[in-house]
Amino acid sequence: MPSNPPSQPPTPPAAPRPDDGQGSVVAERKAAKTKPPRMYQVVMLNDDFTPMEFVVMVLQEYFRLDLDAATQIMLKIHHDGRGVCGVFTKDVAATKVELVLAAARRSGHPLQCIMEAA
């Protein structure tokens, strides 16, 4: 009987050789330039029914203004028909508008509050 040599297992594929740097591409990392968030102003609108004291209370409670600053903004709203209560990021401004509107509805006042791009 002829002797057959034992079969050799297949050889694994050759491992990649370390690159010598020829033909390589180096990606440079650029510093990400982030823009500050867009700001929005919360504006209260004048009406003939909401008491001035309520507007001052809302300004103090939801915008953390002292009595003098709240009174000045209330008078601006009264005389000019609108007044800026503060400038905030979009989410914060939207939340403050909702809080003011909810407080006005609970108290039975038609006070309007909106937000506008600053």
C-alpha atoms as a PDB file:
ATOM      1  CA  MET A   1       0.000   0.000   0.000  1.00  0.00           C
ATOM      2  CA  PRO A   2       1.425   3.325  -0.946  1.00  0.00           C
ATOM      3  CA  SER A   3       1.861   5.687   1.860  1.00  0.00           C
ATOM      4  CA  ASN A   4       0.206   9.002   1.419  1.00  0.00           C
ATOM      5  CA  PRO A   5       1.769  11.880   3.178  1.00  0.00           C
ATOM      6  CA  PRO A   6      -0.543  13.305   5.875  1.00  0.00           C
ATOM      7  CA  SER A   7      -2.552  16.239   4.521  1.00  0.00           C
ATOM      8  CA  GLN A   8      -1.507  19.611   5.754  1.00  0.00           C
ATOM      9  CA  PRO A   9      -4.148  21.923   7.306  1.00  0.00           C
ATOM     10  CA  PRO A  10      -4.833  24.984   5.163  1.00  0.00           C
ATOM     11  CA  THR A  11      -2.630  27.925   6.045  1.00  0.00           C
ATOM     12  CA  PRO A  12      -4.399  30.925   7.609  1.00  0.00           C
ATOM     13  CA  PRO A  13      -4.412  34.139   5.609  1.00  0.00           C
ATOM     14  CA  ALA A  14      -1.358  36.253   6.094  1.00  0.00           C
ATOM     15  CA  ALA A  15      -1.632  38.824   8.893  1.00  0.00           C
ATOM     16  CA  PRO A  16      -1.513  42.409   7.719  1.00  0.00           C
ATOM     17  CA  ARG A  17       1.946  43.785   7.835  1.00  0.00           C
ATOM     18  CA  PRO A  18       2.601  46.938   9.796  1.00  0.00           C
ATOM     19  CA  ASP A  19       2.310  49.964   7.562  1.00  0.00           C
ATOM     20  CA  ASP A  20       5.531  51.792   6.949  1.00  0.00           C
ATOM     21  CA  GLY A  21       3.684  55.107   6.630  1.00  0.00           C
ATOM     22  CA  GLN A  22       3.751  55.228   2.855  1.00  0.00           C
ATOM     23  CA  GLY A  23       0.368  56.187   1.423  1.00  0.00           C
ATOM     24  CA  SER A  24      -1.231  56.769   4.843  1.00  0.00           C
ATOM     25  CA  VAL A  25      -3.863  59.406   5.420  1.00  0.00           C
ATOM     26  CA  VAL A  26      -3.818  61.349   8.654  1.00  0.00           C
ATOM     27  CA  ALA A  27      -7.125  62.867   9.701  1.00  0.00           C
ATOM     28  CA  GLU A  28      -6.706  66.064  11.634  1.00  0.00           C
ATOM     29  CA  ARG A  29      -9.227  66.773  14.339  1.00  0.00           C
ATOM     30  CA  LYS A  30     -10.707  70.252  14.221  1.00  0.00           C
ATOM     31  CA  ALA A  31     -11.984  71.848  17.359  1.00  0.00           C
ATOM     32  CA  ALA A  32     -15.767  71.876  17.241  1.00  0.00           C
ATOM     33  CA  LYS A  33     -17.076  75.409  17.174  1.00  0.00           C
ATOM     34  CA  THR A  34     -20.328  75.518  19.069  1.00  0.00           C
ATOM     35  CA  LYS A  35     -22.602  78.488  18.880  1.00  0.00           C
ATOM     36  CA  PRO A  36     -24.291  79.828  21.973  1.00  0.00           C
ATOM     37  CA  PRO A  37     -27.981  78.927  22.128  1.00  0.00           C
ATOM     38  CA  ARG A  38     -30.438  81.285  20.502  1.00  0.00           C
ATOM     39  CA  MET A  39     -32.103  83.543  23.037  1.00  0.00           C
ATOM     40  CA  TYR A  40     -35.777  84.431  23.384  1.00  0.00           C
ATOM     41  CA  GLN A  41     -37.438  87.264  25.251  1.00  0.00           C
ATOM     42  CA  VAL A  42     -40.554  86.720  27.308  1.00  0.00           C
ATOM     43  CA  VAL A  43     -43.026  89.538  26.672  1.00  0.00           C
ATOM     44  CA  MET A  44     -46.177  90.362  28.648  1.00  0.00           C
ATOM     45  CA  LEU A  45     -49.012  92.129  26.858  1.00  0.00           C
ATOM     46  CA  ASN A  46     -51.266  94.759  28.389  1.00  0.00           C
ATOM     47  CA  ASP A  47     -54.985  94.257  28.873  1.00  0.00           C
ATOM     48  CA  ASP A  48     -57.632  96.337  30.591  1.00  0.00           C
ATOM     49  CA  PHE A  49     -58.673  93.688  33.117  1.00  0.00           C
ATOM     50  CA  THR A  50     -55.623  92.177  34.843  1.00  0.00           C
ATOM     51  CA  PRO A  51     -54.797  94.077  38.045  1.00  0.00           C
ATOM     52  CA  MET A  52     -51.402  95.748  38.205  1.00  0.00           C
ATOM     53  CA  GLU A  53     -50.726  94.061  41.542  1.00  0.00           C
ATOM     54  CA  PHE A  54     -51.165  90.646  39.934  1.00  0.00           C
ATOM     55  CA  VAL A  55     -48.678  91.522  37.171  1.00  0.00           C
ATOM     56  CA  VAL A  56     -46.146  92.665  39.778  1.00  0.00           C
ATOM     57  CA  MET A  57     -46.679  89.449  41.759  1.00  0.00           C
ATOM     58  CA  VAL A  58     -46.150  87.316  38.621  1.00  0.00           C
ATOM     59  CA  LEU A  59     -42.974  89.215  37.753  1.00  0.00           C
ATOM     60  CA  GLN A  60     -41.627  88.693  41.260  1.00  0.00           C
ATOM     61  CA  GLU A  61     -42.604  85.038  41.509  1.00  0.00           C
ATOM     62  CA  TYR A  62     -41.721  83.702  38.064  1.00  0.00           C
ATOM     63  CA  PHE A  63     -38.953  86.063  36.998  1.00  0.00           C
ATOM     64  CA  ARG A  64     -37.325  86.598  40.420  1.00  0.00           C
ATOM     65  CA  LEU A  65     -37.475  90.389  40.183  1.00  0.00           C
ATOM     66  CA  ASP A  66     -37.431  92.682  43.186  1.00  0.00           C
ATOM     67  CA  LEU A  67     -40.400  94.947  43.845  1.00  0.00           C
ATOM     68  CA  ASP A  68     -38.872  98.007  42.152  1.00  0.00           C
ATOM     69  CA  ALA A  69     -37.871  96.165  38.955  1.00  0.00           C
ATOM     70  CA  ALA A  70     -41.233  94.378  38.791  1.00  0.00           C
ATOM     71  CA  THR A  71     -43.072  97.669  39.219  1.00  0.00           C
ATOM     72  CA  GLN A  72     -41.018  99.321  36.461  1.00  0.00           C
ATOM     73  CA  ILE A  73     -41.759  96.505  34.014  1.00  0.00           C
ATOM     74  CA  MET A  74     -45.450  96.535  34.983  1.00  0.00           C
ATOM     75  CA  LEU A  75     -45.607 100.271  34.244  1.00  0.00           C
ATOM     76  CA  LYS A  76     -43.877  99.748  30.895  1.00  0.00           C
ATOM     77  CA  ILE A  77     -46.462  97.067  30.041  1.00  0.00           C
ATOM     78  CA  HIS A  78     -49.244  99.424  31.120  1.00  0.00           C
ATOM     79  CA  HIS A  79     -48.007 102.438  29.143  1.00  0.00           C
ATOM     80  CA  ASP A  80     -46.460 100.785  26.050  1.00  0.00           C
ATOM     81  CA  GLY A  81     -48.815  97.825  25.726  1.00  0.00           C
ATOM     82  CA  ARG A  82     -46.006  95.298  26.172  1.00  0.00           C
ATOM     83  CA  GLY A  83     -42.903  94.766  28.252  1.00  0.00           C
ATOM     84  CA  VAL A  84     -39.946  92.397  28.224  1.00  0.00           C
ATOM     85  CA  CYS A  85     -39.803  90.327  31.408  1.00  0.00           C
ATOM     86  CA  GLY A  86     -36.512  88.594  30.664  1.00  0.00           C
ATOM     87  CA  VAL A  87     -34.323  86.918  28.020  1.00  0.00           C
ATOM     88  CA  PHE A  88     -33.773  83.160  28.189  1.00  0.00           C
ATOM     89  CA  THR A  89     -32.958  80.101  26.123  1.00  0.00           C
ATOM     90  CA  LYS A  90     -35.866  78.663  24.156  1.00  0.00           C
ATOM     91  CA  ASP A  91     -36.876  75.968  26.647  1.00  0.00           C
ATOM     92  CA  VAL A  92     -36.671  78.251  29.665  1.00  0.00           C
ATOM     93  CA  ALA A  93     -38.628  81.010  27.892  1.00  0.00           C
ATOM     94  CA  ALA A  94     -41.355  78.569  26.828  1.00  0.00           C
ATOM     95  CA  THR A  95     -41.634  77.233  30.372  1.00  0.00           C
ATOM     96  CA  LYS A  96     -41.937  80.723  31.849  1.00  0.00           C
ATOM     97  CA  VAL A  97     -44.653  81.644  29.330  1.00  0.00           C
ATOM     98  CA  GLU A  98     -46.619  78.518  30.264  1.00  0.00           C
ATOM     99  CA  LEU A  99     -46.221  79.200  33.995  1.00  0.00           C
ATOM    100  CA  VAL A 100     -47.444  82.793  33.637  1.00  0.00           C
ATOM    101  CA  LEU A 101     -50.425  81.776  31.489  1.00  0.00           C
ATOM    102  CA  ALA A 102     -51.385  79.018  33.933  1.00  0.00           C
ATOM    103  CA  ALA A 103     -51.176  81.401  36.906  1.00  0.00           C
ATOM    104  CA  ALA A 104     -53.335  83.967  35.081  1.00  0.00           C
ATOM    105  CA  ARG A 105     -55.970  81.361  34.214  1.00  0.00           C
ATOM    106  CA  ARG A 106     -56.049  80.045  37.788  1.00  0.00           C
ATOM    107  CA  SER A 107     -56.678  83.584  39.020  1.00  0.00           C
ATOM    108  CA  GLY A 108     -59.244  84.316  36.323  1.00  0.00           C
ATOM    109  CA  HIS A 109     -57.221  86.997  34.534  1.00  0.00           C
ATOM    110  CA  PRO A 110     -56.842  87.332  30.748  1.00  0.00           C
ATOM    111  CA  LEU A 111     -53.125  88.204  30.987  1.00  0.00           C
ATOM    112  CA  GLN A 112     -51.211  87.280  27.839  1.00  0.00           C
ATOM    113  CA  CYS A 113     -47.556  86.335  27.711  1.00  0.00           C
ATOM    114  CA  ILE A 114     -45.574  85.434  24.590  1.00  0.00           C
ATOM    115  CA  MET A 115     -41.987  84.685  23.612  1.00  0.00           C
ATOM    116  CA  GLU A 116     -40.084  86.259  20.724  1.00  0.00           C
ATOM    117  CA  ALA A 117     -36.632  85.734  19.293  1.00  0.00           C
ATOM    118  CA  ALA A 118     -34.275  88.223  20.935  1.00  0.00           C
END
